[in-house]
Each structure stands twice: as C-alpha cells, then as structure tokens.
Amino acid sequence: MTSSDTFRSVELTKIGAERFKATNARGGETYFGNGGEDPDFTPVEMLLAAIAGCSALDVDAITGKRELADGFRVAASGHKVRDEHGNHLVDITLTFEVSFPEGEGGDAAREMLPKAVDMSRDRLCAVSRTVQLGEPVDYRLA
C-alpha cells in the first residue's frame, strides 16, 4: 500500500562513526547514534520518544479542545532485553503528568484526560498501535 496520503518515509545518512542523520520528506532532520559518548538518542530511545510523542500529541489535541494544559509531561520507559526472541523492549510504559488551570474548561479537560489517554492507546497513536499489533518489517537490499 503506497498511496500518497498514507505514505511516510525517512532517509538515513551516515555522518560519522556509529552516527546517522535521519531526514524526513519535509526536510526535517534528527540525529542518532549508538549511545556512546555523543548525546544523540539511540534508536531505542527514539522509539520510546516516538511512542510518547505520538500519544502526547493525541492527548493534547483532545484535552486542548476543552482547555490548554498548563503543564504537560510524558515519561516513556521500557527494558531492552535479549531472549529467545532476540533483542526487544518489554514493559513499555507511558506515564502522563498533565495539569490544567482551575475553572470550567480545566475541569472538563481533567475529566477528559483518562479517556484521551485510552483513545490514544487503543486506536489513535499509530506508533504504539504498530508496536502493540506487531507489523512485519521487510528488509531489502537496493
């Protein structure tokens, strides 16, 4: 399936010893490495950031229709293990700390917050849904 409205892509370029630059179709760039001396994210940290970021955007959009958050933090964590399935993450957890101002709008946003988190987890966040459902990755040589 490669429709222009569903297709997403990034390209990677090696920029140094165990360091890469990722570029999206809009020209945005980010960097990652192996977690050695450089401050770049590792691929596992990028996956955690992608899961947290995807859900944070969902939750913020839903609750923000009622009131804008005056504090918003999401912590993502997991354990990287090696077992009979190879290397992978287990016990992936997102912890939301969201606050809203006092008042009617803030009350409505606080009431909606648990529902928004559930909606993101159960159907909206494409990143965490892909991890939860499991999707084969096709490796090819050009």
Foldseek 3Di string as FASTA:
>chain_A
DDDPVPDWDWDWDDDDDQKIWIATPVGDIAIAGDPDPDPHHHVVVVLQVLLQVLLQVQLQVVLVVLFHWPDWDKDWDFDFDQDPVGTDTDPIDIDIDTAGDDDDSRVSSVVCRVVSSCCCCPPRRPSNVCVVVPDDDDDDDD
